[in-house]
């Protein structure tokens, strides 16, 4: 995949990221992909994050993954989700300035705690046109704010997810708006 290593600002911190571009000429729609919990080994090099980026590029959509503060070469330290949400917002603002990206077609995807950190801060951002949450840890974080989301929203979880029981996931998703879709992968766990 064609990619560019990038450094961008989040408040007074420099964060690292990688922009993956599809073949052809842009500007391309782009999805910011947020990695799982940094205190449990989460980084932009996570296998699920990589799989999402690869799938997006195969679909002619640019993907931007980055390390939250304190992870890899990103400056700072873990901020209990608060600063990490600001990092996601900074990533969205940054990619919207790139000539390769169609600023009118930006999406947000968070995996596990990446969804818990980024969605509360970014779901109402006017630059974000669509949202996806992979294995959202519904038992650990409050996701009730997205019940009012009127943007296209996709939630994905495994039937054996350790952090969100299957029945809890289904009940949560059935109370979302008409613009929402969900999928349960039978036999899959959180990872």
Protein backbone atom coordinates (compact mmCIF):
# COMPACT_ATOMS: atom_id res chain seq x y z
CA UNK A 1 0.00 0.00 0.00
CA UNK A 2 1.13 3.50 -0.77
CA UNK A 3 1.70 5.27 2.55
CA UNK A 4 3.17 8.41 4.08
CA UNK A 5 4.54 8.72 7.61
CA UNK A 6 3.19 11.90 9.15
CA UNK A 7 3.71 14.02 12.24
CA UNK A 8 0.85 16.30 13.33
CA UNK A 9 -0.01 18.46 16.33
CA UNK A 10 -2.48 17.72 19.10
CA UNK A 11 -2.42 20.70 21.44
CA UNK A 12 1.30 21.10 22.23
CA UNK A 13 2.19 17.48 21.41
CA UNK A 14 3.55 15.96 18.23
CA UNK A 15 1.84 12.72 17.27
CA UNK A 16 2.86 10.15 14.68
CA UNK A 17 0.59 8.67 12.06
CA UNK A 18 0.49 6.92 8.72
CA UNK A 19 -1.70 7.94 5.79
CA UNK A 20 -2.55 5.11 3.37
CA UNK A 21 -3.67 6.16 -0.09
CA UNK A 22 -5.46 4.08 -2.72
CA UNK A 23 -4.23 3.81 -6.30
CA UNK A 24 -5.27 6.66 -8.56
CA UNK A 25 -5.59 10.36 -8.04
CA UNK A 26 -7.39 12.02 -5.18
CA UNK A 27 -8.80 13.63 -3.38
CA UNK A 28 -10.09 10.47 -1.67
CA UNK A 29 -12.62 9.97 1.09
CA UNK A 30 -10.68 9.18 4.27
CA UNK A 31 -11.30 7.36 7.56
CA UNK A 32 -9.39 8.12 10.76
CA UNK A 33 -8.79 4.80 12.53
CA UNK A 34 -8.23 4.89 16.33
CA UNK A 35 -6.36 2.08 18.07
CA UNK A 36 -7.24 0.15 21.27
CA UNK A 37 -6.27 0.98 24.84
CA UNK A 38 -2.62 2.08 25.16
CA UNK A 39 -2.26 0.73 28.69
CA UNK A 40 -2.95 -2.77 27.37
CA UNK A 41 -0.55 -2.66 24.44
CA UNK A 42 -2.79 -0.85 21.96
CA UNK A 43 -1.10 1.06 19.17
CA UNK A 44 -1.62 1.99 15.55
CA UNK A 45 0.23 -1.23 14.65
CA UNK A 46 -2.62 -3.37 16.00
CA UNK A 47 -3.75 -6.19 13.68
CA UNK A 48 -7.40 -5.04 13.64
CA UNK A 49 -6.39 -1.44 12.88
CA UNK A 50 -4.16 -2.69 10.06
CA UNK A 51 -6.94 -4.89 8.65
CA UNK A 52 -9.37 -1.94 8.65
CA UNK A 53 -6.83 0.28 6.87
CA UNK A 54 -6.16 -2.40 4.24
CA UNK A 55 -9.88 -2.93 3.61
CA UNK A 56 -10.47 0.80 3.25
CA UNK A 57 -7.66 1.24 0.73
CA UNK A 58 -8.93 -1.75 -1.30
CA UNK A 59 -12.26 0.12 -1.43
CA UNK A 60 -10.56 3.29 -2.75
CA UNK A 61 -10.81 5.07 0.60
CA UNK A 62 -7.75 6.62 2.25
CA UNK A 63 -7.01 5.53 5.82
CA UNK A 64 -5.20 7.48 8.52
CA UNK A 65 -4.03 5.64 11.61
CA UNK A 66 -2.09 7.33 14.39
CA UNK A 67 -0.71 6.71 17.85
CA UNK A 68 -2.44 8.40 20.74
CA UNK A 69 -0.27 10.49 23.05
CA UNK A 70 2.44 8.52 24.81
CA UNK A 71 2.34 5.61 22.35
CA UNK A 72 5.21 4.82 19.99
CA UNK A 73 6.80 8.06 18.82
CA UNK A 74 3.85 10.22 19.85
CA UNK A 75 4.73 12.69 22.57
CA UNK A 76 3.00 12.96 25.94
CA UNK A 77 1.52 10.32 28.17
CA UNK A 78 -1.76 8.53 28.67
CA UNK A 79 -4.55 10.90 29.79
CA UNK A 80 -7.37 8.54 30.82
CA UNK A 81 -9.20 9.04 27.50
CA UNK A 82 -9.57 12.82 27.72
CA UNK A 83 -6.43 13.78 25.82
CA UNK A 84 -6.82 10.79 23.54
CA UNK A 85 -10.20 12.15 22.40
CA UNK A 86 -8.51 15.45 21.62
CA UNK A 87 -5.87 13.52 19.66
CA UNK A 88 -8.61 12.00 17.48
CA UNK A 89 -10.12 15.45 16.93
CA UNK A 90 -6.68 16.80 15.96
CA UNK A 91 -6.25 13.89 13.50
CA UNK A 92 -9.58 14.74 11.84
CA UNK A 93 -8.66 18.41 11.63
CA UNK A 94 -5.24 17.56 10.22
CA UNK A 95 -6.36 15.19 7.46
CA UNK A 96 -9.08 17.62 6.37
CA UNK A 97 -6.27 19.98 5.29
CA UNK A 98 -4.49 17.46 3.05
CA UNK A 99 -4.83 17.81 -0.72
CA UNK A 100 -5.10 14.00 -1.05
CA UNK A 101 -8.21 13.94 1.17
CA UNK A 102 -11.75 15.00 0.30
CA UNK A 103 -12.56 17.06 3.40
CA UNK A 104 -16.27 16.59 2.72
CA UNK A 105 -16.02 12.80 3.07
CA UNK A 106 -14.27 11.98 6.34
CA UNK A 107 -15.18 9.04 8.54
CA UNK A 108 -14.13 7.90 12.00
CA UNK A 109 -13.50 4.32 13.11
CA UNK A 110 -12.53 3.31 16.62
CA UNK A 111 -11.55 -0.14 17.76
CA UNK A 112 -12.31 -1.04 21.39
CA UNK A 113 -11.12 1.78 23.67
CA UNK A 114 -10.25 3.73 20.51
CA UNK A 115 -14.01 4.02 19.98
CA UNK A 116 -14.57 4.95 23.63
CA UNK A 117 -11.95 7.71 23.46
CA UNK A 118 -12.73 9.18 20.03
CA UNK A 119 -16.49 8.91 19.54
CA UNK A 120 -17.60 11.11 22.49
CA UNK A 121 -15.41 13.98 21.25
CA UNK A 122 -15.82 13.54 17.50
CA UNK A 123 -19.25 12.08 16.72
CA UNK A 124 -20.84 15.52 16.42
CA UNK A 125 -17.91 17.06 14.49
CA UNK A 126 -19.31 18.49 11.24
CA UNK A 127 -16.29 17.12 9.36
CA UNK A 128 -17.17 13.53 10.34
CA UNK A 129 -19.76 12.13 7.94
CA UNK A 130 -19.84 8.47 9.06
CA UNK A 131 -18.79 6.50 12.15
CA UNK A 132 -17.82 2.91 12.91
CA UNK A 133 -17.10 1.22 16.24
CA UNK A 134 -15.43 -2.19 16.31
CA UNK A 135 -15.80 -4.17 19.55
CA UNK A 136 -17.04 -1.17 21.54
CA UNK A 137 -16.54 -2.03 25.24
CA UNK A 138 -20.10 -1.20 26.31
CA UNK A 139 -19.59 -2.60 29.81
CA UNK A 140 -16.57 -0.35 30.51
CA UNK A 141 -17.51 2.98 28.86
CA UNK A 142 -20.67 5.00 28.38
CA UNK A 143 -21.75 4.99 24.73
CA UNK A 144 -25.27 6.34 25.36
CA UNK A 145 -24.45 9.59 23.55
CA UNK A 146 -24.60 7.85 20.16
CA UNK A 147 -28.28 6.99 20.58
CA UNK A 148 -28.91 10.48 19.17
CA UNK A 149 -26.44 10.10 16.29
CA UNK A 150 -28.09 10.86 12.94
CA UNK A 151 -24.99 10.07 10.88
CA UNK A 152 -24.39 6.68 9.29
CA UNK A 153 -23.16 4.50 12.15
CA UNK A 154 -21.86 0.93 12.06
CA UNK A 155 -21.20 -1.15 15.17
CA UNK A 156 -19.45 -4.52 14.95
CA UNK A 157 -18.81 -7.04 17.71
CA UNK A 158 -18.12 -10.72 18.21
CA UNK A 159 -20.52 -13.08 19.93
CA UNK A 160 -17.73 -14.02 22.38
CA UNK A 161 -16.53 -10.49 23.13
CA UNK A 162 -15.10 -10.45 26.68
CA UNK A 163 -15.99 -6.78 27.24
CA UNK A 164 -19.50 -6.69 25.79
CA UNK A 165 -21.80 -9.70 26.14
CA UNK A 166 -23.64 -10.50 22.92
CA UNK A 167 -27.09 -9.80 24.36
CA UNK A 168 -25.96 -6.43 25.73
CA UNK A 169 -24.55 -5.49 22.31
CA UNK A 170 -27.77 -6.43 20.49
CA UNK A 171 -30.00 -4.60 22.99
CA UNK A 172 -27.83 -1.48 22.75
CA UNK A 173 -27.83 -1.51 18.94
CA UNK A 174 -31.58 -2.05 18.66
CA UNK A 175 -32.12 1.31 20.41
CA UNK A 176 -30.05 3.32 17.94
CA UNK A 177 -31.36 5.59 15.18
CA UNK A 178 -32.46 4.45 11.73
CA UNK A 179 -29.09 5.53 10.30
CA UNK A 180 -27.37 2.83 12.35
CA UNK A 181 -26.40 -0.70 11.41
CA UNK A 182 -24.83 -3.43 13.47
CA UNK A 183 -23.32 -6.82 12.89
CA UNK A 184 -22.50 -9.62 15.29
CA UNK A 185 -19.80 -12.05 14.15
CA UNK A 186 -20.64 -15.47 15.58
CA UNK A 187 -17.65 -17.12 17.24
CA UNK A 188 -15.46 -14.00 17.25
CA UNK A 189 -14.05 -12.52 20.44
CA UNK A 190 -12.98 -8.97 21.29
CA UNK A 191 -9.75 -9.31 19.35
